[in-house]
PDB file of N, CA and C in Angstrom:
ATOM      1  N   MET A   1      -3.509  -4.653  -2.737  1.00  0.00           N
ATOM      2  CA  MET A   1      -3.435  -5.186  -4.074  1.00  0.00           C
ATOM      3  C   MET A   1      -3.961  -4.146  -5.055  1.00  0.00           C
ATOM      4  N   LYS A   2      -3.437  -4.185  -6.239  1.00  0.00           N
ATOM      5  CA  LYS A   2      -3.893  -3.302  -7.301  1.00  0.00           C
ATOM      6  C   LYS A   2      -5.041  -3.993  -8.027  1.00  0.00           C
ATOM      7  N   LEU A   3      -6.130  -3.262  -8.256  1.00  0.00           N
ATOM      8  CA  LEU A   3      -7.277  -3.803  -8.964  1.00  0.00           C
ATOM      9  C   LEU A   3      -7.471  -3.006 -10.247  1.00  0.00           C
ATOM     10  N   ILE A   4      -7.556  -3.711 -11.369  1.00  0.00           N
ATOM     11  CA  ILE A   4      -7.758  -3.081 -12.670  1.00  0.00           C
ATOM     12  C   ILE A   4      -9.044  -3.631 -13.270  1.00  0.00           C
ATOM     13  N   VAL A   5      -9.937  -2.712 -13.664  1.00  0.00           N
ATOM     14  CA  VAL A   5     -11.169  -3.095 -14.350  1.00  0.00           C
ATOM     15  C   VAL A   5     -10.933  -2.888 -15.836  1.00  0.00           C
ATOM     16  N   GLN A   6     -11.258  -3.925 -16.621  1.00  0.00           N
ATOM     17  CA  GLN A   6     -11.059  -3.887 -18.061  1.00  0.00           C
ATOM     18  C   GLN A   6     -12.347  -4.220 -18.793  1.00  0.00           C
ATOM     19  N   LEU A   7     -12.418  -3.737 -20.035  1.00  0.00           N
ATOM     20  CA  LEU A   7     -13.508  -4.096 -20.926  1.00  0.00           C
ATOM     21  C   LEU A   7     -12.885  -4.343 -22.292  1.00  0.00           C
ATOM     22  N   SER A   8     -12.978  -5.564 -22.768  1.00  0.00           N
ATOM     23  CA  SER A   8     -12.368  -5.957 -24.041  1.00  0.00           C
ATOM     24  C   SER A   8     -10.881  -5.599 -24.078  1.00  0.00           C
ATOM     25  N   GLY A   9     -10.197  -5.791 -22.956  1.00  0.00           N
ATOM     26  CA  GLY A   9      -8.763  -5.546 -22.876  1.00  0.00           C
ATOM     27  C   GLY A   9      -8.366  -4.103 -22.625  1.00  0.00           C
ATOM     28  N   LYS A  10      -9.320  -3.168 -22.623  1.00  0.00           N
ATOM     29  CA  LYS A  10      -9.025  -1.751 -22.375  1.00  0.00           C
ATOM     30  C   LYS A  10      -9.197  -1.443 -20.892  1.00  0.00           C
ATOM     31  N   HIS A  11      -8.198  -0.775 -20.316  1.00  0.00           N
ATOM     32  CA  HIS A  11      -8.290  -0.378 -18.907  1.00  0.00           C
ATOM     33  C   HIS A  11      -9.333   0.727 -18.748  1.00  0.00           C
ATOM     34  N   LEU A  12     -10.262   0.510 -17.812  1.00  0.00           N
ATOM     35  CA  LEU A  12     -11.283   1.511 -17.513  1.00  0.00           C
ATOM     36  C   LEU A  12     -11.056   2.192 -16.184  1.00  0.00           C
ATOM     37  N   TYR A  13     -10.430   1.458 -15.244  1.00  0.00           N
ATOM     38  CA  TYR A  13     -10.348   1.964 -13.870  1.00  0.00           C
ATOM     39  C   TYR A  13      -9.254   1.204 -13.136  1.00  0.00           C
ATOM     40  N   THR A  14      -8.502   1.913 -12.296  1.00  0.00           N
ATOM     41  CA  THR A  14      -7.462   1.293 -11.475  1.00  0.00           C
ATOM     42  C   THR A  14      -7.556   1.853 -10.068  1.00  0.00           C
ATOM     43  N   THR A  15      -7.408   0.977  -9.078  1.00  0.00           N
ATOM     44  CA  THR A  15      -7.400   1.392  -7.678  1.00  0.00           C
ATOM     45  C   THR A  15      -6.615   0.374  -6.870  1.00  0.00           C
ATOM     46  N   TYR A  16      -6.474   0.621  -5.595  1.00  0.00           N
ATOM     47  CA  TYR A  16      -5.824  -0.324  -4.677  1.00  0.00           C
ATOM     48  C   TYR A  16      -6.856  -0.775  -3.658  1.00  0.00           C
ATOM     49  N   VAL A  17      -6.915  -2.082  -3.397  1.00  0.00           N
ATOM     50  CA  VAL A  17      -7.935  -2.657  -2.523  1.00  0.00           C
ATOM     51  C   VAL A  17      -7.310  -3.621  -1.513  1.00  0.00           C
ATOM     52  N   ASP A  18      -8.049  -3.880  -0.446  1.00  0.00           N
ATOM     53  CA  ASP A  18      -7.636  -4.858   0.565  1.00  0.00           C
ATOM     54  C   ASP A  18      -8.342  -6.193   0.380  1.00  0.00           C
ATOM     55  N   CYS A  19      -9.409  -6.205  -0.434  1.00  0.00           N
ATOM     56  CA  CYS A  19     -10.141  -7.446  -0.673  1.00  0.00           C
ATOM     57  C   CYS A  19     -10.648  -7.457  -2.109  1.00  0.00           C
ATOM     58  N   VAL A  20     -11.062  -8.622  -2.565  1.00  0.00           N
ATOM     59  CA  VAL A  20     -11.542  -8.805  -3.941  1.00  0.00           C
ATOM     60  C   VAL A  20     -13.054  -9.026  -3.904  1.00  0.00           C
ATOM     61  N   PRO A  21     -13.811  -8.359  -4.789  1.00  0.00           N
ATOM     62  CA  PRO A  21     -15.251  -8.604  -4.835  1.00  0.00           C
ATOM     63  C   PRO A  21     -15.532 -10.087  -5.140  1.00  0.00           C
ATOM     64  N   ALA A  22     -16.469 -10.642  -4.411  1.00  0.00           N
ATOM     65  CA  ALA A  22     -16.824 -12.057  -4.578  1.00  0.00           C
ATOM     66  C   ALA A  22     -17.680 -12.252  -5.827  1.00  0.00           C
ATOM     67  N   ILE A  23     -17.674 -13.486  -6.332  1.00  0.00           N
ATOM     68  CA  ILE A  23     -18.570 -13.857  -7.428  1.00  0.00           C
ATOM     69  C   ILE A  23     -19.993 -13.535  -6.983  1.00  0.00           C
ATOM     70  N   GLY A  24     -20.751 -12.881  -7.852  1.00  0.00           N
ATOM     71  CA  GLY A  24     -22.115 -12.477  -7.523  1.00  0.00           C
ATOM     72  C   GLY A  24     -22.218 -11.035  -7.067  1.00  0.00           C
ATOM     73  N   SER A  25     -21.080 -10.400  -6.761  1.00  0.00           N
ATOM     74  CA  SER A  25     -21.083  -8.997  -6.339  1.00  0.00           C
ATOM     75  C   SER A  25     -21.389  -8.088  -7.516  1.00  0.00           C
ATOM     76  N   LEU A  26     -21.964  -6.934  -7.218  1.00  0.00           N
ATOM     77  CA  LEU A  26     -22.101  -5.865  -8.195  1.00  0.00           C
ATOM     78  C   LEU A  26     -21.034  -4.830  -7.877  1.00  0.00           C
ATOM     79  N   VAL A  27     -20.303  -4.422  -8.892  1.00  0.00           N
ATOM     80  CA  VAL A  27     -19.233  -3.445  -8.724  1.00  0.00           C
ATOM     81  C   VAL A  27     -19.626  -2.178  -9.477  1.00  0.00           C
ATOM     82  N   ARG A  28     -19.432  -1.030  -8.840  1.00  0.00           N
ATOM     83  CA  ARG A  28     -19.733   0.257  -9.464  1.00  0.00           C
ATOM     84  C   ARG A  28     -18.454   1.076  -9.517  1.00  0.00           C
ATOM     85  N   ILE A  29     -18.130   1.604 -10.705  1.00  0.00           N
ATOM     86  CA  ILE A  29     -16.921   2.405 -10.873  1.00  0.00           C
ATOM     87  C   ILE A  29     -17.221   3.651 -11.700  1.00  0.00           C
ATOM     88  N   GLU A  30     -16.311   4.609 -11.624  1.00  0.00           N
ATOM     89  CA  GLU A  30     -16.324   5.768 -12.507  1.00  0.00           C
ATOM     90  C   GLU A  30     -15.167   5.591 -13.476  1.00  0.00           C
ATOM     91  N   ALA A  31     -15.469   5.407 -14.750  1.00  0.00           N
ATOM     92  CA  ALA A  31     -14.447   5.103 -15.754  1.00  0.00           C
ATOM     93  C   ALA A  31     -13.446   6.245 -15.885  1.00  0.00           C
ATOM     94  N   ASP A  32     -12.164   5.869 -16.010  1.00  0.00           N
ATOM     95  CA  ASP A  32     -11.085   6.841 -16.176  1.00  0.00           C
ATOM     96  C   ASP A  32     -10.923   7.287 -17.618  1.00  0.00           C
ATOM     97  N   ALA A  33     -11.455   6.508 -18.559  1.00  0.00           N
ATOM     98  CA  ALA A  33     -11.171   6.753 -19.971  1.00  0.00           C
ATOM     99  C   ALA A  33     -12.430   6.602 -20.815  1.00  0.00           C
ATOM    100  N   TYR A  34     -12.347   7.098 -22.039  1.00  0.00           N
ATOM    101  CA  TYR A  34     -13.407   6.932 -23.025  1.00  0.00           C
ATOM    102  C   TYR A  34     -13.478   5.456 -23.430  1.00  0.00           C
ATOM    103  N   PHE A  35     -14.681   4.904 -23.541  1.00  0.00           N
ATOM    104  CA  PHE A  35     -14.846   3.513 -23.955  1.00  0.00           C
ATOM    105  C   PHE A  35     -16.214   3.319 -24.589  1.00  0.00           C
ATOM    106  N   LYS A  36     -16.257   2.570 -25.672  1.00  0.00           N
ATOM    107  CA  LYS A  36     -17.506   2.172 -26.335  1.00  0.00           C
ATOM    108  C   LYS A  36     -18.542   3.299 -26.383  1.00  0.00           C
ATOM    109  N   ASN A  37     -18.134   4.460 -26.876  1.00  0.00           N
ATOM    110  CA  ASN A  37     -19.015   5.627 -27.017  1.00  0.00           C
ATOM    111  C   ASN A  37     -19.473   6.227 -25.694  1.00  0.00           C
ATOM    112  N   HIS A  38     -18.739   5.989 -24.627  1.00  0.00           N
ATOM    113  CA  HIS A  38     -19.031   6.588 -23.322  1.00  0.00           C
ATOM    114  C   HIS A  38     -17.833   7.434 -22.898  1.00  0.00           C
ATOM    115  N   TYR A  39     -18.112   8.613 -22.387  1.00  0.00           N
ATOM    116  CA  TYR A  39     -17.060   9.551 -22.002  1.00  0.00           C
ATOM    117  C   TYR A  39     -16.438   9.179 -20.654  1.00  0.00           C
ATOM    118  N   PRO A  40     -15.215   9.690 -20.390  1.00  0.00           N
ATOM    119  CA  PRO A  40     -14.628   9.498 -19.059  1.00  0.00           C
ATOM    120  C   PRO A  40     -15.595  10.019 -17.988  1.00  0.00           C
ATOM    121  N   LYS A  41     -15.489   9.478 -16.814  1.00  0.00           N
ATOM    122  CA  LYS A  41     -16.328   9.792 -15.657  1.00  0.00           C
ATOM    123  C   LYS A  41     -17.723   9.191 -15.758  1.00  0.00           C
ATOM    124  N   THR A  42     -17.949   8.339 -16.783  1.00  0.00           N
ATOM    125  CA  THR A  42     -19.200   7.593 -16.846  1.00  0.00           C
ATOM    126  C   THR A  42     -19.198   6.590 -15.703  1.00  0.00           C
ATOM    127  N   ILE A  43     -20.289   6.518 -14.979  1.00  0.00           N
ATOM    128  CA  ILE A  43     -20.415   5.557 -13.883  1.00  0.00           C
ATOM    129  C   ILE A  43     -21.128   4.322 -14.417  1.00  0.00           C
ATOM    130  N   ILE A  44     -20.478   3.173 -14.233  1.00  0.00           N
ATOM    131  CA  ILE A  44     -21.062   1.905 -14.681  1.00  0.00           C
ATOM    132  C   ILE A  44     -21.119   0.933 -13.512  1.00  0.00           C
ATOM    133  N   GLU A  45     -21.970  -0.054 -13.661  1.00  0.00           N
ATOM    134  CA  GLU A  45     -22.101  -1.133 -12.679  1.00  0.00           C
ATOM    135  C   GLU A  45     -22.070  -2.441 -13.450  1.00  0.00           C
ATOM    136  N   PHE A  46     -21.387  -3.435 -12.893  1.00  0.00           N
ATOM    137  CA  PHE A  46     -21.301  -4.738 -13.567  1.00  0.00           C
ATOM    138  C   PHE A  46     -21.197  -5.839 -12.533  1.00  0.00           C
ATOM    139  N   PRO A  47     -21.665  -7.046 -12.886  1.00  0.00           N
ATOM    140  CA  PRO A  47     -21.564  -8.180 -11.964  1.00  0.00           C
ATOM    141  C   PRO A  47     -20.211  -8.871 -12.090  1.00  0.00           C
ATOM    142  N   VAL A  48     -19.732  -9.398 -10.984  1.00  0.00           N
ATOM    143  CA  VAL A  48     -18.562 -10.281 -10.994  1.00  0.00           C
ATOM    144  C   VAL A  48     -19.140 -11.680 -11.149  1.00  0.00           C
ATOM    145  N   SER A  49     -18.858 -12.314 -12.280  1.00  0.00           N
ATOM    146  CA  SER A  49     -19.516 -13.588 -12.564  1.00  0.00           C
ATOM    147  C   SER A  49     -18.528 -14.741 -12.647  1.00  0.00           C
ATOM    148  N   SER A  50     -19.052 -15.935 -12.482  1.00  0.00           N
ATOM    149  CA  SER A  50     -18.216 -17.134 -12.613  1.00  0.00           C
ATOM    150  C   SER A  50     -17.878 -17.401 -14.071  1.00  0.00           C
ATOM    151  N   ASP A  51     -18.629 -16.790 -15.003  1.00  0.00           N
ATOM    152  CA  ASP A  51     -18.312 -16.921 -16.428  1.00  0.00           C
ATOM    153  C   ASP A  51     -17.036 -16.160 -16.789  1.00  0.00           C
ATOM    154  N   ASP A  52     -16.755 -15.103 -16.050  1.00  0.00           N
ATOM    155  CA  ASP A  52     -15.561 -14.281 -16.278  1.00  0.00           C
ATOM    156  C   ASP A  52     -15.019 -13.862 -14.912  1.00  0.00           C
ATOM    157  N   PRO A  53     -14.456 -14.810 -14.151  1.00  0.00           N
ATOM    158  CA  PRO A  53     -14.047 -14.535 -12.771  1.00  0.00           C
ATOM    159  C   PRO A  53     -12.831 -13.611 -12.698  1.00  0.00           C
ATOM    160  N   PRO A  54     -12.560 -13.057 -11.503  1.00  0.00           N
ATOM    161  CA  PRO A  54     -11.357 -12.237 -11.335  1.00  0.00           C
ATOM    162  C   PRO A  54     -10.112 -13.038 -11.701  1.00  0.00           C
ATOM    163  N   LYS A  55      -9.143 -12.344 -12.259  1.00  0.00           N
ATOM    164  CA  LYS A  55      -7.859 -12.969 -12.599  1.00  0.00           C
ATOM    165  C   LYS A  55      -6.787 -12.337 -11.722  1.00  0.00           C
ATOM    166  N   PHE A  56      -5.899 -13.165 -11.190  1.00  0.00           N
ATOM    167  CA  PHE A  56      -4.873 -12.706 -10.260  1.00  0.00           C
ATOM    168  C   PHE A  56      -3.495 -12.841 -10.900  1.00  0.00           C
ATOM    169  N   ASP A  57      -2.675 -11.811 -10.773  1.00  0.00           N
ATOM    170  CA  ASP A  57      -1.298 -11.853 -11.268  1.00  0.00           C
ATOM    171  C   ASP A  57      -0.369 -11.604 -10.082  1.00  0.00           C
ATOM    172  N   PHE A  58       0.172 -12.687  -9.542  1.00  0.00           N
ATOM    173  CA  PHE A  58       1.064 -12.592  -8.389  1.00  0.00           C
ATOM    174  C   PHE A  58       2.520 -12.403  -8.792  1.00  0.00           C
ATOM    175  N   THR A  59       2.779 -12.262 -10.099  1.00  0.00           N
ATOM    176  CA  THR A  59       4.145 -11.979 -10.538  1.00  0.00           C
ATOM    177  C   THR A  59       4.459 -10.493 -10.422  1.00  0.00           C
ATOM    178  N   GLU A  60       3.424  -9.669 -10.241  1.00  0.00           N
ATOM    179  CA  GLU A  60       3.598  -8.223 -10.105  1.00  0.00           C
ATOM    180  C   GLU A  60       3.737  -7.843  -8.631  1.00  0.00           C
ATOM    181  N   THR A  61       4.353  -6.700  -8.383  1.00  0.00           N
ATOM    182  CA  THR A  61       4.462  -6.159  -7.028  1.00  0.00           C
ATOM    183  C   THR A  61       3.906  -4.747  -7.048  1.00  0.00           C
ATOM    184  N   PRO A  62       2.800  -4.489  -6.355  1.00  0.00           N
ATOM    185  CA  PRO A  62       1.964  -5.437  -5.626  1.00  0.00           C
ATOM    186  C   PRO A  62       1.195  -6.341  -6.599  1.00  0.00           C
ATOM    187  N   PRO A  63       0.632  -7.445  -6.065  1.00  0.00           N
ATOM    188  CA  PRO A  63      -0.170  -8.323  -6.931  1.00  0.00           C
ATOM    189  C   PRO A  63      -1.300  -7.535  -7.598  1.00  0.00           C
ATOM    190  N   VAL A  64      -1.698  -7.980  -8.792  1.00  0.00           N
ATOM    191  CA  VAL A  64      -2.738  -7.297  -9.565  1.00  0.00           C
ATOM    192  C   VAL A  64      -3.930  -8.224  -9.751  1.00  0.00           C
ATOM    193  N   ILE A  65      -5.124  -7.659  -9.561  1.00  0.00           N
ATOM    194  CA  ILE A  65      -6.380  -8.365  -9.799  1.00  0.00           C
ATOM    195  C   ILE A  65      -7.044  -7.696 -10.988  1.00  0.00           C
ATOM    196  N   TYR A  66      -7.484  -8.504 -11.949  1.00  0.00           N
ATOM    197  CA  TYR A  66      -8.176  -7.986 -13.125  1.00  0.00           C
ATOM    198  C   TYR A  66      -9.640  -8.397 -13.052  1.00  0.00           C
ATOM    199  N   LEU A  67     -10.525  -7.412 -13.194  1.00  0.00           N
ATOM    200  CA  LEU A  67     -11.957  -7.676 -13.280  1.00  0.00           C
ATOM    201  C   LEU A  67     -12.442  -7.274 -14.655  1.00  0.00           C
ATOM    202  N   SER A  68     -13.356  -8.052 -15.206  1.00  0.00           N
ATOM    203  CA  SER A  68     -13.964  -7.734 -16.491  1.00  0.00           C
ATOM    204  C   SER A  68     -15.280  -7.004 -16.254  1.00  0.00           C
ATOM    205  N   ALA A  69     -15.494  -5.915 -16.994  1.00  0.00           N
ATOM    206  CA  ALA A  69     -16.734  -5.149 -16.884  1.00  0.00           C
ATOM    207  C   ALA A  69     -17.784  -5.603 -17.895  1.00  0.00           C
ATOM    208  N   ASN A  70     -17.599  -6.807 -18.463  1.00  0.00           N
ATOM    209  CA  ASN A  70     -18.603  -7.337 -19.389  1.00  0.00           C
ATOM    210  C   ASN A  70     -19.961  -7.364 -18.704  1.00  0.00           C
ATOM    211  N   GLY A  71     -20.992  -7.031 -19.421  1.00  0.00           N
ATOM    212  CA  GLY A  71     -22.344  -7.021 -18.864  1.00  0.00           C
ATOM    213  C   GLY A  71     -22.643  -5.754 -18.086  1.00  0.00           C
ATOM    214  N   PHE A  72     -21.872  -4.675 -18.335  1.00  0.00           N
ATOM    215  CA  PHE A  72     -22.047  -3.435 -17.571  1.00  0.00           C
ATOM    216  C   PHE A  72     -23.352  -2.731 -17.927  1.00  0.00           C
ATOM    217  N   ASN A  73     -23.850  -1.947 -16.970  1.00  0.00           N
ATOM    218  CA  ASN A  73     -24.975  -1.037 -17.165  1.00  0.00           C
ATOM    219  C   ASN A  73     -24.496   0.360 -16.840  1.00  0.00           C
ATOM    220  N   VAL A  74     -24.900   1.334 -17.638  1.00  0.00           N
ATOM    221  CA  VAL A  74     -24.547   2.722 -17.376  1.00  0.00           C
ATOM    222  C   VAL A  74     -25.488   3.278 -16.308  1.00  0.00           C
ATOM    223  N   ILE A  75     -24.906   3.806 -15.247  1.00  0.00           N
ATOM    224  CA  ILE A  75     -25.680   4.434 -14.176  1.00  0.00           C
ATOM    225  C   ILE A  75     -25.823   5.934 -14.459  1.00  0.00           C
ATOM    226  N   ARG A  76     -24.695   6.550 -14.855  1.00  0.00           N
ATOM    227  CA  ARG A  76     -24.710   7.977 -15.206  1.00  0.00           C
ATOM    228  C   ARG A  76     -23.645   8.208 -16.271  1.00  0.00           C
ATOM    229  N   GLU A  77     -24.036   8.860 -17.348  1.00  0.00           N
ATOM    230  CA  GLU A  77     -23.118   9.142 -18.450  1.00  0.00           C
ATOM    231  C   GLU A  77     -22.180  10.282 -18.078  1.00  0.00           C
ATOM    232  N   GLY A  78     -20.901  10.115 -18.436  1.00  0.00           N
ATOM    233  CA  GLY A  78     -19.935  11.206 -18.276  1.00  0.00           C
ATOM    234  C   GLY A  78     -20.201  12.268 -19.324  1.00  0.00           C
ATOM    235  N   GLU A  79     -19.492  13.399 -19.195  1.00  0.00           N
ATOM    236  CA  GLU A  79     -19.719  14.505 -20.127  1.00  0.00           C
ATOM    237  C   GLU A  79     -18.486  14.715 -20.990  1.00  0.00           C
ATOM    238  N   GLU A  80     -18.734  15.133 -22.218  1.00  0.00           N
ATOM    239  CA  GLU A  80     -17.655  15.437 -23.138  1.00  0.00           C
ATOM    240  C   GLU A  80     -16.926  16.688 -22.662  1.00  0.00           C
ATOM    241  N   ALA A  81     -15.584  16.621 -22.652  1.00  0.00           N
ATOM    242  CA  ALA A  81     -14.797  17.793 -22.271  1.00  0.00           C
ATOM    243  C   ALA A  81     -14.897  18.821 -23.387  1.00  0.00           C
ATOM    244  N   VAL A  82     -15.030  20.073 -23.001  1.00  0.00           N
ATOM    245  CA  VAL A  82     -15.124  21.133 -24.020  1.00  0.00           C
ATOM    246  C   VAL A  82     -13.860  21.910 -24.133  1.00  0.00           C
TER     247      VAL A  82
END
């Protein structure tokens, strides 16, 4: 399945997975794009919560899972490209 991490509707990260993180899991990613004053390659961690659970789109091939990165914490800031 394709997994897409979003923040306020902006794609931060895309990968392919065999399972979906459960509610209560902490997910850590390296952002693919600039977002909210953070450079690409910024590493963030966020909880998968029941307030904003994973969303599944089975109309796509392969199916797509959307996770929200709301409530993220920055683990390591990415660097500005020169």
